[in-house]
N, C-alpha and C. Protein backbone atom coordinates (compact mmCIF):
# COMPACT_ATOMS: atom_id res chain seq x y z
N UNK A 1 0.86 -1.17 0.00
CA UNK A 1 0.00 0.00 0.00
C UNK A 1 0.90 1.23 0.00
N UNK A 2 0.72 2.08 -0.98
CA UNK A 2 1.44 3.35 -1.06
C UNK A 2 0.41 4.46 -1.04
N UNK A 3 0.74 5.54 -0.33
CA UNK A 3 -0.19 6.64 -0.18
C UNK A 3 0.58 7.94 0.00
N UNK A 4 -0.07 9.05 -0.28
CA UNK A 4 0.57 10.35 -0.07
C UNK A 4 0.37 10.84 1.35
N UNK A 5 -0.49 10.17 2.12
CA UNK A 5 -0.69 10.57 3.52
C UNK A 5 0.58 10.27 4.30
N UNK A 6 1.07 11.24 5.07
CA UNK A 6 2.32 11.07 5.81
C UNK A 6 2.17 10.12 7.00
N UNK A 7 0.97 9.95 7.50
CA UNK A 7 0.76 9.18 8.72
C UNK A 7 -0.05 7.92 8.45
N UNK A 8 0.51 6.78 8.84
CA UNK A 8 -0.16 5.49 8.71
C UNK A 8 -0.05 4.77 10.04
N UNK A 9 -1.20 4.47 10.65
CA UNK A 9 -1.23 3.78 11.94
C UNK A 9 -1.97 2.46 11.76
N UNK A 10 -1.30 1.36 12.11
CA UNK A 10 -1.88 0.03 11.96
C UNK A 10 -2.61 -0.37 13.23
N UNK A 11 -3.76 -0.99 13.05
CA UNK A 11 -4.51 -1.46 14.20
C UNK A 11 -5.51 -2.53 13.83
N UNK A 12 -6.36 -2.86 14.78
CA UNK A 12 -7.42 -3.85 14.60
C UNK A 12 -8.76 -3.14 14.76
N UNK A 13 -9.67 -3.37 13.83
CA UNK A 13 -11.01 -2.79 13.96
C UNK A 13 -11.66 -3.35 15.22
N UNK A 14 -12.10 -2.45 16.08
CA UNK A 14 -12.76 -2.88 17.32
C UNK A 14 -14.28 -2.80 17.20
N UNK A 15 -14.76 -1.68 16.66
CA UNK A 15 -16.21 -1.53 16.47
C UNK A 15 -16.49 -0.80 15.17
N UNK A 16 -17.66 -1.07 14.63
CA UNK A 16 -18.20 -0.33 13.48
C UNK A 16 -19.65 -0.05 13.85
N UNK A 17 -19.96 1.22 14.05
CA UNK A 17 -21.32 1.61 14.43
C UNK A 17 -21.94 2.35 13.25
N UNK A 18 -22.99 1.78 12.69
CA UNK A 18 -23.63 2.37 11.52
C UNK A 18 -24.65 3.43 11.93
N UNK A 19 -24.63 4.54 11.20
CA UNK A 19 -25.65 5.56 11.31
C UNK A 19 -26.53 5.47 10.08
N UNK A 20 -27.14 6.57 9.71
CA UNK A 20 -27.99 6.58 8.52
C UNK A 20 -27.14 6.58 7.26
N UNK A 21 -26.10 7.41 7.23
CA UNK A 21 -25.23 7.55 6.06
C UNK A 21 -23.80 7.10 6.36
N UNK A 22 -23.33 7.38 7.56
CA UNK A 22 -21.94 7.12 7.93
C UNK A 22 -21.82 6.04 8.99
N UNK A 23 -20.62 5.51 9.08
CA UNK A 23 -20.26 4.57 10.14
C UNK A 23 -19.12 5.17 10.95
N UNK A 24 -19.17 4.95 12.26
CA UNK A 24 -18.04 5.31 13.12
C UNK A 24 -17.23 4.06 13.34
N UNK A 25 -15.95 4.13 12.99
CA UNK A 25 -15.04 2.99 13.10
C UNK A 25 -14.05 3.27 14.22
N UNK A 26 -13.88 2.31 15.11
CA UNK A 26 -12.86 2.40 16.14
C UNK A 26 -11.74 1.44 15.78
N UNK A 27 -10.55 2.00 15.61
CA UNK A 27 -9.36 1.21 15.30
C UNK A 27 -8.48 1.21 16.54
N UNK A 28 -8.18 0.03 17.08
CA UNK A 28 -7.37 -0.08 18.29
C UNK A 28 -5.92 -0.35 17.89
N UNK A 29 -5.03 0.57 18.25
CA UNK A 29 -3.61 0.40 17.95
C UNK A 29 -3.00 -0.60 18.92
N UNK A 30 -1.83 -1.12 18.60
CA UNK A 30 -1.15 -2.07 19.46
C UNK A 30 -0.89 -1.50 20.85
N UNK A 31 -0.70 -0.19 20.93
CA UNK A 31 -0.46 0.47 22.22
C UNK A 31 -1.70 0.50 23.09
N UNK A 32 -2.86 0.19 22.51
CA UNK A 32 -4.12 0.27 23.24
C UNK A 32 -4.89 1.54 22.96
N UNK A 33 -4.26 2.48 22.29
CA UNK A 33 -4.91 3.74 21.94
C UNK A 33 -5.95 3.51 20.87
N UNK A 34 -7.10 4.16 21.02
CA UNK A 34 -8.16 4.07 20.02
C UNK A 34 -8.05 5.24 19.06
N UNK A 35 -8.26 4.95 17.78
CA UNK A 35 -8.34 5.98 16.75
C UNK A 35 -9.74 5.85 16.15
N UNK A 36 -10.45 6.98 16.08
CA UNK A 36 -11.82 6.99 15.58
C UNK A 36 -11.86 7.59 14.19
N UNK A 37 -12.65 6.96 13.32
CA UNK A 37 -12.81 7.44 11.95
C UNK A 37 -14.29 7.43 11.59
N UNK A 38 -14.68 8.38 10.76
CA UNK A 38 -16.03 8.41 10.20
C UNK A 38 -15.90 8.14 8.71
N UNK A 39 -16.57 7.07 8.27
CA UNK A 39 -16.56 6.71 6.84
C UNK A 39 -18.00 6.47 6.43
N UNK A 40 -18.25 6.51 5.14
CA UNK A 40 -19.62 6.20 4.69
C UNK A 40 -19.90 4.72 4.93
N UNK A 41 -21.17 4.40 5.09
CA UNK A 41 -21.57 3.00 5.25
C UNK A 41 -21.13 2.19 4.04
N UNK A 42 -21.25 2.78 2.87
CA UNK A 42 -20.83 2.09 1.64
C UNK A 42 -19.33 1.79 1.66
N UNK A 43 -18.52 2.74 2.12
CA UNK A 43 -17.08 2.49 2.21
C UNK A 43 -16.78 1.38 3.20
N UNK A 44 -17.46 1.41 4.35
CA UNK A 44 -17.25 0.36 5.36
C UNK A 44 -17.59 -1.01 4.77
N UNK A 45 -18.67 -1.07 3.99
CA UNK A 45 -19.08 -2.33 3.37
C UNK A 45 -18.06 -2.78 2.33
N UNK A 46 -17.65 -1.86 1.44
CA UNK A 46 -16.71 -2.21 0.38
C UNK A 46 -15.35 -2.65 0.93
N UNK A 47 -14.94 -2.06 2.05
CA UNK A 47 -13.66 -2.42 2.67
C UNK A 47 -13.78 -3.66 3.56
N UNK A 48 -15.00 -4.09 3.82
CA UNK A 48 -15.20 -5.24 4.68
C UNK A 48 -14.81 -4.97 6.13
N UNK A 49 -15.13 -3.76 6.60
CA UNK A 49 -14.74 -3.39 7.95
C UNK A 49 -15.62 -4.09 8.98
N UNK A 50 -15.01 -4.99 9.71
CA UNK A 50 -15.69 -5.72 10.76
C UNK A 50 -14.71 -5.85 11.94
N UNK A 51 -15.24 -6.01 13.14
CA UNK A 51 -14.36 -6.20 14.29
C UNK A 51 -13.39 -7.36 14.07
N UNK A 52 -12.14 -7.12 14.45
CA UNK A 52 -11.09 -8.13 14.30
C UNK A 52 -10.25 -7.99 13.06
N UNK A 53 -10.68 -7.18 12.10
CA UNK A 53 -9.95 -7.02 10.84
C UNK A 53 -8.79 -6.02 11.02
N UNK A 54 -7.65 -6.34 10.44
CA UNK A 54 -6.51 -5.42 10.44
C UNK A 54 -6.79 -4.29 9.46
N UNK A 55 -6.53 -3.07 9.89
CA UNK A 55 -6.77 -1.90 9.04
C UNK A 55 -5.75 -0.83 9.40
N UNK A 56 -5.73 0.20 8.58
CA UNK A 56 -4.78 1.29 8.75
C UNK A 56 -5.52 2.62 8.78
N UNK A 57 -5.12 3.48 9.69
CA UNK A 57 -5.62 4.86 9.72
C UNK A 57 -4.64 5.70 8.94
N UNK A 58 -5.12 6.39 7.91
CA UNK A 58 -4.30 7.28 7.10
C UNK A 58 -4.69 8.71 7.42
N UNK A 59 -3.69 9.54 7.75
CA UNK A 59 -3.97 10.91 8.17
C UNK A 59 -2.96 11.84 7.52
N UNK A 60 -3.44 12.79 6.74
CA UNK A 60 -2.55 13.77 6.13
C UNK A 60 -1.95 14.67 7.22
N UNK A 61 -0.69 15.02 7.06
CA UNK A 61 -0.01 15.83 8.08
C UNK A 61 -0.65 17.20 8.26
N UNK A 62 -1.27 17.72 7.22
CA UNK A 62 -1.92 19.04 7.32
C UNK A 62 -3.23 18.98 8.10
N UNK A 63 -3.74 17.76 8.37
CA UNK A 63 -4.98 17.60 9.13
C UNK A 63 -4.71 17.44 10.63
N UNK A 64 -3.45 17.34 11.02
CA UNK A 64 -3.09 17.12 12.42
C UNK A 64 -2.86 18.46 13.10
N UNK A 65 -3.67 18.74 14.12
CA UNK A 65 -3.53 19.95 14.93
C UNK A 65 -2.71 19.59 16.15
N UNK A 66 -1.72 20.40 16.48
CA UNK A 66 -0.89 20.12 17.64
C UNK A 66 -1.26 21.00 18.82
N UNK A 67 -1.11 20.42 20.00
CA UNK A 67 -1.36 21.14 21.25
C UNK A 67 -0.29 20.75 22.26
N UNK A 68 -0.03 21.64 23.19
CA UNK A 68 0.86 21.29 24.29
C UNK A 68 0.19 20.21 25.12
N UNK A 69 0.96 19.24 25.57
CA UNK A 69 0.40 18.11 26.30
C UNK A 69 -0.22 18.52 27.63
N UNK A 70 0.26 19.60 28.21
CA UNK A 70 -0.26 20.00 29.52
C UNK A 70 -1.49 20.90 29.41
N UNK A 71 -1.89 21.24 28.20
CA UNK A 71 -3.08 22.08 28.02
C UNK A 71 -4.33 21.26 28.25
N UNK A 72 -5.23 21.76 29.04
CA UNK A 72 -6.51 21.10 29.28
C UNK A 72 -7.56 21.81 28.43
N UNK A 73 -7.61 21.42 27.15
CA UNK A 73 -8.55 22.05 26.24
C UNK A 73 -9.63 21.06 25.87
N UNK A 74 -10.80 21.57 25.62
CA UNK A 74 -11.91 20.75 25.19
C UNK A 74 -12.18 21.07 23.73
N UNK A 75 -12.19 20.03 22.90
CA UNK A 75 -12.43 20.23 21.48
C UNK A 75 -13.43 19.19 20.98
N UNK A 76 -13.87 19.36 19.76
CA UNK A 76 -14.75 18.37 19.14
C UNK A 76 -13.96 17.27 18.45
N UNK A 77 -12.64 17.38 18.41
CA UNK A 77 -11.81 16.35 17.77
C UNK A 77 -11.89 15.07 18.60
N UNK A 78 -12.29 13.97 17.98
CA UNK A 78 -12.42 12.69 18.69
C UNK A 78 -11.08 12.08 19.05
N UNK A 79 -10.06 12.40 18.28
CA UNK A 79 -8.75 11.77 18.47
C UNK A 79 -7.77 12.73 19.14
N UNK A 80 -7.21 12.29 20.25
CA UNK A 80 -6.16 13.01 20.96
C UNK A 80 -5.05 11.99 21.23
N UNK A 81 -3.99 12.08 20.44
CA UNK A 81 -2.88 11.13 20.52
C UNK A 81 -1.66 11.88 21.04
N UNK A 82 -1.15 11.46 22.18
CA UNK A 82 -0.06 12.19 22.84
C UNK A 82 1.23 11.39 22.83
N UNK A 83 2.33 12.12 22.80
CA UNK A 83 3.66 11.52 22.82
C UNK A 83 4.69 12.59 23.05
N UNK A 84 5.89 12.35 22.52
CA UNK A 84 6.97 13.33 22.65
C UNK A 84 7.48 13.72 21.27
N UNK A 85 7.88 14.96 21.15
CA UNK A 85 8.40 15.47 19.88
C UNK A 85 9.73 14.78 19.58
N UNK A 86 9.83 14.18 18.40
CA UNK A 86 11.04 13.46 18.02
C UNK A 86 11.84 14.15 16.91
N UNK A 87 11.18 15.05 16.20
CA UNK A 87 11.87 15.74 15.10
C UNK A 87 11.16 17.04 14.81
N UNK A 88 11.94 18.06 14.49
CA UNK A 88 11.40 19.36 14.08
C UNK A 88 12.21 19.82 12.87
N UNK A 89 11.50 20.16 11.80
CA UNK A 89 12.17 20.65 10.59
C UNK A 89 11.48 21.93 10.16
N UNK A 90 12.18 23.04 10.31
CA UNK A 90 11.61 24.34 10.00
C UNK A 90 11.88 24.71 8.54
N UNK A 91 10.83 25.15 7.87
CA UNK A 91 10.95 25.59 6.49
C UNK A 91 10.75 27.10 6.42
N UNK A 92 10.56 27.61 5.23
CA UNK A 92 10.39 29.05 5.02
C UNK A 92 9.07 29.55 5.59
N UNK A 93 8.02 28.74 5.50
CA UNK A 93 6.68 29.14 5.94
C UNK A 93 6.14 28.22 7.03
N UNK A 94 6.39 26.91 6.87
CA UNK A 94 5.84 25.92 7.79
C UNK A 94 6.94 25.15 8.50
N UNK A 95 6.54 24.52 9.60
CA UNK A 95 7.43 23.65 10.36
C UNK A 95 6.80 22.26 10.41
N UNK A 96 7.62 21.24 10.17
CA UNK A 96 7.17 19.86 10.28
C UNK A 96 7.57 19.36 11.67
N UNK A 97 6.60 18.85 12.41
CA UNK A 97 6.84 18.34 13.76
C UNK A 97 6.42 16.88 13.80
N UNK A 98 7.34 16.01 14.22
CA UNK A 98 7.04 14.59 14.36
C UNK A 98 6.89 14.27 15.85
N UNK A 99 5.85 13.48 16.16
CA UNK A 99 5.60 13.07 17.54
C UNK A 99 5.72 11.56 17.62
N UNK A 100 6.56 11.09 18.53
CA UNK A 100 6.70 9.66 18.78
C UNK A 100 5.60 9.26 19.74
N UNK A 101 4.70 8.38 19.29
CA UNK A 101 3.57 7.91 20.09
C UNK A 101 3.90 6.64 20.86
N UNK A 102 5.07 6.06 20.63
CA UNK A 102 5.44 4.78 21.23
C UNK A 102 4.97 3.62 20.37
N UNK A 103 5.44 2.42 20.67
CA UNK A 103 5.08 1.21 19.93
C UNK A 103 5.29 1.35 18.43
N UNK A 104 6.37 2.01 18.04
CA UNK A 104 6.71 2.22 16.63
C UNK A 104 5.68 3.03 15.86
N UNK A 105 4.90 3.84 16.56
CA UNK A 105 3.94 4.74 15.92
C UNK A 105 4.40 6.18 16.08
N UNK A 106 4.25 6.92 15.02
CA UNK A 106 4.55 8.35 15.08
C UNK A 106 3.56 9.09 14.20
N UNK A 107 3.44 10.37 14.46
CA UNK A 107 2.58 11.26 13.67
C UNK A 107 3.40 12.46 13.25
N UNK A 108 3.16 12.91 12.03
CA UNK A 108 3.80 14.11 11.53
C UNK A 108 2.73 15.16 11.31
N UNK A 109 3.03 16.39 11.73
CA UNK A 109 2.11 17.50 11.53
C UNK A 109 2.86 18.64 10.87
N UNK A 110 2.15 19.35 10.02
CA UNK A 110 2.68 20.56 9.41
C UNK A 110 1.96 21.74 10.07
N UNK A 111 2.73 22.60 10.74
CA UNK A 111 2.17 23.78 11.39
C UNK A 111 2.89 25.01 10.85
N UNK A 112 2.29 26.16 11.01
CA UNK A 112 2.96 27.38 10.55
C UNK A 112 4.15 27.68 11.46
N UNK A 113 5.10 28.39 10.92
CA UNK A 113 6.25 28.81 11.73
C UNK A 113 5.79 29.68 12.89
N UNK A 114 4.76 30.49 12.66
CA UNK A 114 4.22 31.33 13.74
C UNK A 114 3.68 30.46 14.88
N UNK A 115 3.01 29.36 14.55
CA UNK A 115 2.52 28.43 15.58
C UNK A 115 3.68 27.79 16.33
N UNK A 116 4.72 27.39 15.62
CA UNK A 116 5.90 26.82 16.27
C UNK A 116 6.55 27.85 17.20
N UNK A 117 6.64 29.09 16.77
CA UNK A 117 7.22 30.14 17.62
C UNK A 117 6.40 30.33 18.89
N UNK A 118 5.08 30.20 18.77
CA UNK A 118 4.18 30.38 19.91
C UNK A 118 4.23 29.17 20.86
N UNK A 119 4.15 27.96 20.28
CA UNK A 119 4.11 26.74 21.10
C UNK A 119 5.47 26.30 21.61
N UNK A 120 6.54 26.69 20.89
CA UNK A 120 7.92 26.40 21.30
C UNK A 120 8.20 24.91 21.51
N UNK A 121 7.77 24.09 20.56
CA UNK A 121 8.08 22.67 20.64
C UNK A 121 9.58 22.47 20.52
N UNK A 122 10.11 21.50 21.25
CA UNK A 122 11.51 21.13 21.14
C UNK A 122 11.60 19.61 21.21
N UNK A 123 12.71 19.07 20.78
CA UNK A 123 12.90 17.62 20.80
C UNK A 123 12.75 17.14 22.25
N UNK A 124 11.92 16.12 22.44
CA UNK A 124 11.70 15.55 23.76
C UNK A 124 10.56 16.17 24.54
N UNK A 125 10.00 17.28 24.02
CA UNK A 125 8.89 17.91 24.74
C UNK A 125 7.59 17.14 24.48
N UNK A 126 6.71 17.04 25.50
CA UNK A 126 5.44 16.36 25.30
C UNK A 126 4.52 17.17 24.39
N UNK A 127 3.74 16.48 23.58
CA UNK A 127 2.81 17.15 22.67
C UNK A 127 1.65 16.20 22.37
N UNK A 128 0.53 16.77 21.99
CA UNK A 128 -0.64 15.98 21.62
C UNK A 128 -1.12 16.37 20.23
N UNK A 129 -1.53 15.36 19.49
CA UNK A 129 -2.09 15.57 18.16
C UNK A 129 -3.61 15.45 18.26
N UNK A 130 -4.31 16.42 17.70
CA UNK A 130 -5.77 16.42 17.68
C UNK A 130 -6.21 16.22 16.24
N UNK A 131 -7.08 15.22 16.04
CA UNK A 131 -7.50 14.88 14.68
C UNK A 131 -8.99 14.59 14.69
N UNK A 132 -9.73 15.27 13.82
CA UNK A 132 -11.16 15.00 13.69
C UNK A 132 -11.35 13.60 13.12
N UNK A 133 -12.37 12.91 13.57
CA UNK A 133 -12.65 11.57 13.07
C UNK A 133 -12.92 11.57 11.57
N UNK A 134 -13.48 12.65 11.06
CA UNK A 134 -13.76 12.74 9.63
C UNK A 134 -12.49 12.97 8.81
N UNK A 135 -11.37 13.22 9.47
CA UNK A 135 -10.08 13.39 8.77
C UNK A 135 -9.23 12.12 8.83
N UNK A 136 -9.80 11.05 9.31
CA UNK A 136 -9.08 9.77 9.35
C UNK A 136 -9.64 8.89 8.24
N UNK A 137 -8.78 8.50 7.31
CA UNK A 137 -9.16 7.57 6.24
C UNK A 137 -8.79 6.17 6.69
N UNK A 138 -9.60 5.20 6.32
CA UNK A 138 -9.31 3.80 6.67
C UNK A 138 -8.91 3.05 5.41
N UNK A 139 -7.86 2.27 5.53
CA UNK A 139 -7.39 1.44 4.41
C UNK A 139 -7.21 0.01 4.90
N UNK A 140 -7.35 -0.94 3.98
CA UNK A 140 -7.10 -2.35 4.27
C UNK A 140 -6.28 -2.93 3.13
N UNK A 141 -5.56 -4.00 3.43
CA UNK A 141 -4.86 -4.73 2.38
C UNK A 141 -5.85 -5.67 1.72
N UNK A 142 -5.72 -5.84 0.44
CA UNK A 142 -6.62 -6.75 -0.31
C UNK A 142 -6.37 -8.17 0.08
């Protein structure tokens, strides 16, 4: 599987809850962390998403919002994945920040340089990634 999404997290489908149009999928990572995704019922059917199936959460780096780990903020984002900053690469306009989530999982986020200047992330500092469930794509191997 090749994709342009910078973030790929492997897990096991735990639940698929169908609504009228969409399904909420819970993907349990090896670390025990849950990742929530919203997909259409048709997509869930075509992918054969059922509990126990191996699947991947694909997340574009531009969809990952970063927050300081010690911030107690309330958001509508279903996914809050926390770890430590493992890499920072500053560009002309944006900064790429990688967060080590443990268990060989990491997330990359693209934030503005102004955001990096404000948040002051450094290697080893705790950070949390906030991701809307509708920004998580689910993939499976054929």
